[in-house]
Amino acid sequence: MDQETNHPANKESEGETTSGLRSWPEVVGLTAEEAEKRIKEDDPKLRLQVVGPDRCVTADFVTDRVWIFVDSEGKVIRTPTIG
C-alpha cells in the first residue's frame, strides 16, 4: 500500500457521519421521535437507540450508533452523539 492511501487525511474519520456531524445538541428537549427524524435526515444509515430513564448502555464505541437518552416523558435530555 502506498503512503498516500494510508494518510489519515484520506480516510473517513472514525465515528463521523456522511454529513460530517458527530452530535446533535439541537434535539435536546425534543421528543425521541422528533430527534430520530432530525438525525436520520443528516444520515439515514445511522442506527438510533432510544434509552429511557434508569436504563444501562454498553461502553463500547460503535461508529454507526447514536444513543438518544430520554426522560420519563420521552424528551431528549442529553446531546445525542455517535458511539
N, C-alpha and C. Protein backbone atom coordinates (compact mmCIF):
# COMPACT_ATOMS: atom_id res chain seq x y z
N MET A 1 0.84 -1.18 0.00
CA MET A 1 0.00 0.00 0.00
C MET A 1 0.88 1.25 0.00
N ASP A 2 0.46 2.26 -0.74
CA ASP A 2 1.29 3.46 -0.78
C ASP A 2 0.99 4.39 0.39
N GLN A 3 1.90 5.32 0.61
CA GLN A 3 1.74 6.23 1.76
C GLN A 3 0.51 7.11 1.64
N GLU A 4 0.16 7.50 0.42
CA GLU A 4 -0.99 8.37 0.24
C GLU A 4 -2.28 7.69 0.70
N THR A 5 -2.42 6.39 0.42
CA THR A 5 -3.62 5.65 0.83
C THR A 5 -3.72 5.58 2.35
N ASN A 6 -2.59 5.47 3.04
CA ASN A 6 -2.59 5.36 4.48
C ASN A 6 -2.65 6.69 5.21
N HIS A 7 -2.55 7.78 4.51
CA HIS A 7 -2.54 9.10 5.15
C HIS A 7 -3.89 9.35 5.82
N PRO A 8 -3.88 9.78 7.10
CA PRO A 8 -5.13 9.99 7.84
C PRO A 8 -6.10 10.94 7.16
N ALA A 9 -5.61 11.91 6.42
CA ALA A 9 -6.49 12.87 5.76
C ALA A 9 -7.30 12.23 4.64
N ASN A 10 -6.86 11.05 4.18
CA ASN A 10 -7.55 10.38 3.10
C ASN A 10 -8.50 9.29 3.57
N LYS A 11 -8.71 9.16 4.86
CA LYS A 11 -9.61 8.17 5.43
C LYS A 11 -10.79 8.85 6.10
N GLU A 12 -11.93 8.15 6.14
CA GLU A 12 -13.07 8.70 6.88
C GLU A 12 -12.72 8.74 8.35
N SER A 13 -13.11 9.81 9.01
CA SER A 13 -12.88 9.91 10.46
C SER A 13 -13.76 8.90 11.17
N GLU A 14 -13.20 8.24 12.18
CA GLU A 14 -13.97 7.27 12.94
C GLU A 14 -15.12 7.97 13.64
N GLY A 15 -16.31 7.43 13.46
CA GLY A 15 -17.46 7.99 14.13
C GLY A 15 -18.00 9.25 13.49
N GLU A 16 -17.67 9.48 12.23
CA GLU A 16 -18.18 10.68 11.56
C GLU A 16 -19.19 10.26 10.51
N THR A 17 -20.30 10.96 10.45
CA THR A 17 -21.36 10.63 9.51
C THR A 17 -21.03 11.12 8.12
N THR A 18 -21.87 10.74 7.17
CA THR A 18 -21.68 11.21 5.81
C THR A 18 -21.86 12.72 5.73
N SER A 19 -22.61 13.30 6.65
CA SER A 19 -22.79 14.75 6.68
C SER A 19 -21.69 15.44 7.47
N GLY A 20 -20.84 14.65 8.14
CA GLY A 20 -19.76 15.22 8.95
C GLY A 20 -20.14 15.47 10.39
N LEU A 21 -21.41 15.27 10.75
CA LEU A 21 -21.84 15.52 12.12
C LEU A 21 -21.54 14.35 13.02
N ARG A 22 -21.21 14.63 14.27
CA ARG A 22 -20.97 13.60 15.27
C ARG A 22 -21.91 13.75 16.47
N SER A 23 -22.61 14.89 16.58
CA SER A 23 -23.54 15.11 17.68
C SER A 23 -24.65 16.05 17.24
N TRP A 24 -25.74 16.02 18.00
CA TRP A 24 -26.94 16.79 17.65
C TRP A 24 -27.48 17.52 18.87
N PRO A 25 -26.83 18.59 19.33
CA PRO A 25 -27.30 19.31 20.52
C PRO A 25 -28.65 19.99 20.30
N GLU A 26 -29.00 20.26 19.06
CA GLU A 26 -30.25 20.96 18.78
C GLU A 26 -31.49 20.12 19.07
N VAL A 27 -31.34 18.80 19.29
CA VAL A 27 -32.51 17.97 19.56
C VAL A 27 -32.83 17.81 21.04
N VAL A 28 -31.98 18.34 21.91
CA VAL A 28 -32.27 18.26 23.34
C VAL A 28 -33.58 19.01 23.61
N GLY A 29 -34.49 18.35 24.31
CA GLY A 29 -35.81 18.93 24.60
C GLY A 29 -36.89 18.46 23.64
N LEU A 30 -36.51 17.89 22.50
CA LEU A 30 -37.49 17.34 21.56
C LEU A 30 -37.91 15.95 22.03
N THR A 31 -38.98 15.43 21.44
CA THR A 31 -39.35 14.05 21.72
C THR A 31 -38.36 13.13 21.02
N ALA A 32 -38.33 11.87 21.45
CA ALA A 32 -37.43 10.90 20.83
C ALA A 32 -37.74 10.76 19.34
N GLU A 33 -39.01 10.76 18.98
CA GLU A 33 -39.41 10.62 17.58
C GLU A 33 -38.92 11.80 16.75
N GLU A 34 -39.06 13.02 17.29
CA GLU A 34 -38.58 14.20 16.58
C GLU A 34 -37.06 14.16 16.42
N ALA A 35 -36.37 13.73 17.46
CA ALA A 35 -34.92 13.64 17.42
C ALA A 35 -34.47 12.60 16.40
N GLU A 36 -35.13 11.45 16.40
CA GLU A 36 -34.79 10.41 15.43
C GLU A 36 -34.95 10.92 14.00
N LYS A 37 -36.04 11.59 13.74
CA LYS A 37 -36.28 12.13 12.39
C LYS A 37 -35.18 13.11 11.99
N ARG A 38 -34.83 14.01 12.89
CA ARG A 38 -33.80 15.02 12.61
C ARG A 38 -32.44 14.37 12.34
N ILE A 39 -32.07 13.40 13.16
CA ILE A 39 -30.77 12.74 13.00
C ILE A 39 -30.75 11.92 11.71
N LYS A 40 -31.83 11.23 11.41
CA LYS A 40 -31.91 10.44 10.18
C LYS A 40 -31.84 11.31 8.93
N GLU A 41 -32.30 12.57 9.03
CA GLU A 41 -32.18 13.50 7.90
C GLU A 41 -30.71 13.74 7.58
N ASP A 42 -29.87 13.78 8.60
CA ASP A 42 -28.44 14.01 8.41
C ASP A 42 -27.73 12.77 7.91
N ASP A 43 -28.13 11.60 8.39
CA ASP A 43 -27.50 10.35 7.95
C ASP A 43 -28.46 9.19 8.18
N PRO A 44 -29.15 8.76 7.13
CA PRO A 44 -30.13 7.69 7.28
C PRO A 44 -29.53 6.33 7.61
N LYS A 45 -28.23 6.18 7.48
CA LYS A 45 -27.59 4.88 7.76
C LYS A 45 -27.31 4.66 9.25
N LEU A 46 -27.43 5.70 10.06
CA LEU A 46 -27.14 5.54 11.48
C LEU A 46 -28.17 4.66 12.16
N ARG A 47 -27.71 3.91 13.15
CA ARG A 47 -28.59 3.09 13.98
C ARG A 47 -28.88 3.87 15.25
N LEU A 48 -30.12 4.20 15.47
CA LEU A 48 -30.51 5.02 16.62
C LEU A 48 -31.07 4.13 17.72
N GLN A 49 -30.64 4.39 18.95
CA GLN A 49 -31.09 3.63 20.10
C GLN A 49 -31.65 4.59 21.14
N VAL A 50 -32.94 4.52 21.40
CA VAL A 50 -33.56 5.36 22.42
C VAL A 50 -33.37 4.66 23.77
N VAL A 51 -32.87 5.44 24.74
CA VAL A 51 -32.57 4.91 26.07
C VAL A 51 -33.43 5.66 27.09
N GLY A 52 -34.29 4.91 27.76
CA GLY A 52 -35.18 5.50 28.76
C GLY A 52 -34.48 5.77 30.08
N PRO A 53 -35.18 6.41 31.00
CA PRO A 53 -34.60 6.72 32.30
C PRO A 53 -34.20 5.44 33.04
N ASP A 54 -33.10 5.54 33.76
CA ASP A 54 -32.59 4.43 34.57
C ASP A 54 -32.23 3.19 33.75
N ARG A 55 -31.96 3.35 32.48
CA ARG A 55 -31.55 2.23 31.63
C ARG A 55 -30.04 2.26 31.45
N CYS A 56 -29.44 1.11 31.31
CA CYS A 56 -27.98 0.99 31.12
C CYS A 56 -27.65 0.83 29.64
N VAL A 57 -26.47 1.26 29.27
CA VAL A 57 -25.97 1.07 27.90
C VAL A 57 -24.58 0.47 27.98
N THR A 58 -24.14 -0.11 26.88
CA THR A 58 -22.80 -0.68 26.83
C THR A 58 -21.78 0.43 26.67
N ALA A 59 -20.54 0.15 27.04
CA ALA A 59 -19.48 1.15 26.96
C ALA A 59 -18.68 1.06 25.68
N ASP A 60 -19.03 0.14 24.79
CA ASP A 60 -18.28 0.01 23.54
C ASP A 60 -18.60 1.17 22.60
N PHE A 61 -17.67 1.44 21.68
CA PHE A 61 -17.85 2.52 20.71
C PHE A 61 -18.23 1.90 19.38
N VAL A 62 -19.38 2.28 18.85
CA VAL A 62 -19.86 1.78 17.57
C VAL A 62 -20.04 2.98 16.64
N THR A 63 -19.37 2.94 15.50
CA THR A 63 -19.29 4.12 14.63
C THR A 63 -20.58 4.49 13.91
N ASP A 64 -21.59 3.62 13.95
CA ASP A 64 -22.86 3.98 13.29
C ASP A 64 -24.04 3.97 14.26
N ARG A 65 -23.73 4.05 15.56
CA ARG A 65 -24.79 4.03 16.58
C ARG A 65 -24.88 5.39 17.27
N VAL A 66 -26.11 5.81 17.53
CA VAL A 66 -26.35 7.04 18.29
C VAL A 66 -27.31 6.71 19.42
N TRP A 67 -26.87 6.96 20.65
CA TRP A 67 -27.75 6.80 21.82
C TRP A 67 -28.59 8.06 21.95
N ILE A 68 -29.89 7.91 22.17
CA ILE A 68 -30.79 9.04 22.41
C ILE A 68 -31.37 8.83 23.81
N PHE A 69 -30.86 9.58 24.78
CA PHE A 69 -31.30 9.45 26.17
C PHE A 69 -32.53 10.33 26.41
N VAL A 70 -33.58 9.72 26.94
CA VAL A 70 -34.83 10.45 27.17
C VAL A 70 -35.26 10.34 28.63
N ASP A 71 -36.08 11.31 29.04
CA ASP A 71 -36.64 11.28 30.40
C ASP A 71 -37.95 10.49 30.40
N SER A 72 -38.65 10.51 31.52
CA SER A 72 -39.89 9.74 31.66
C SER A 72 -41.00 10.23 30.74
N GLU A 73 -40.86 11.44 30.22
CA GLU A 73 -41.85 11.98 29.29
C GLU A 73 -41.46 11.76 27.83
N GLY A 74 -40.33 11.11 27.61
CA GLY A 74 -39.87 10.84 26.24
C GLY A 74 -39.14 11.99 25.59
N LYS A 75 -38.71 12.97 26.39
CA LYS A 75 -37.96 14.12 25.87
C LYS A 75 -36.46 13.86 25.97
N VAL A 76 -35.73 14.27 24.94
CA VAL A 76 -34.28 14.09 24.91
C VAL A 76 -33.65 14.95 26.00
N ILE A 77 -32.79 14.33 26.84
CA ILE A 77 -32.20 15.04 27.97
C ILE A 77 -30.69 15.23 27.87
N ARG A 78 -30.08 14.62 26.85
CA ARG A 78 -28.62 14.70 26.67
C ARG A 78 -28.33 14.76 25.18
N THR A 79 -27.30 15.49 24.80
CA THR A 79 -26.93 15.60 23.40
C THR A 79 -26.60 14.22 22.83
N PRO A 80 -27.36 13.78 21.82
CA PRO A 80 -27.03 12.51 21.18
C PRO A 80 -25.71 12.61 20.42
N THR A 81 -24.87 11.59 20.56
CA THR A 81 -23.59 11.56 19.87
C THR A 81 -23.35 10.17 19.29
N ILE A 82 -22.49 10.11 18.30
CA ILE A 82 -22.11 8.83 17.72
C ILE A 82 -21.25 8.08 18.72
N GLY A 83 -21.49 6.81 18.81
CA GLY A 83 -20.67 5.98 19.69
C GLY A 83 -21.46 4.88 20.25
